Amino acid sequence: GMALAGGAMLFVISDEVIPETHHGVHSRLSTYALMFGFIVMMTLDNLFG
């Protein structure tokens, strides 16, 4: 429930609110990289926090 909503919000923020990430050839890659970085950050926080 809440994880899906959080992931959707992260995608919308990266995809719509930050349009500078979509200038160039790899526009979707920047969105996926942001989501992957967030997942890594949350995983490390749960492991060591």
Protein backbone atom coordinates (compact mmCIF):
# COMPACT_ATOMS: atom_id res chain seq x y z
CA GLY A 1 0.00 0.00 0.00
CA MET A 2 2.23 2.78 1.30
CA ALA A 3 5.35 1.51 -0.48
CA LEU A 4 3.53 1.57 -3.81
CA ALA A 5 2.30 5.11 -3.15
CA GLY A 6 5.81 6.22 -2.19
CA GLY A 7 7.30 4.69 -5.32
CA ALA A 8 4.66 6.33 -7.48
CA MET A 9 5.34 9.72 -5.90
CA LEU A 10 9.09 9.31 -6.42
CA PHE A 11 8.50 8.46 -10.07
CA VAL A 12 6.19 11.44 -10.60
CA ILE A 13 8.61 13.84 -8.92
CA SER A 14 11.49 12.64 -11.06
CA ASP A 15 9.46 12.44 -14.24
CA GLU A 16 7.35 15.61 -14.06
CA VAL A 17 8.70 18.03 -11.46
CA ILE A 18 12.39 17.82 -12.39
CA PRO A 19 12.29 18.31 -16.19
CA GLU A 20 16.04 18.96 -16.39
CA THR A 21 16.62 15.21 -16.05
CA HIS A 22 14.89 14.61 -19.38
CA HIS A 23 17.17 16.59 -21.67
CA GLY A 24 19.15 14.13 -23.70
CA VAL A 25 19.15 10.60 -24.97
CA HIS A 26 18.86 8.72 -21.67
CA SER A 27 15.89 10.51 -20.16
CA ARG A 28 14.23 7.43 -18.61
CA LEU A 29 17.57 6.20 -17.31
CA SER A 30 17.83 9.20 -15.00
CA THR A 31 14.42 8.42 -13.49
CA TYR A 32 15.33 4.78 -12.95
CA ALA A 33 18.71 5.74 -11.48
CA LEU A 34 17.01 8.05 -8.99
CA MET A 35 14.60 5.30 -7.97
CA PHE A 36 17.44 2.77 -7.66
CA GLY A 37 19.46 5.19 -5.53
CA PHE A 38 16.48 5.71 -3.25
CA ILE A 39 16.04 1.94 -2.87
CA VAL A 40 19.73 1.52 -2.01
CA MET A 41 19.53 4.37 0.51
CA MET A 42 16.49 2.86 2.24
CA THR A 43 18.07 -0.60 2.28
CA LEU A 44 21.25 0.71 3.90
CA ASP A 45 19.18 2.69 6.40
CA ASN A 46 17.29 -0.45 7.40
CA LEU A 47 20.45 -2.54 7.64
CA PHE A 48 22.54 -0.11 9.68
CA GLY A 49 19.93 2.13 11.28
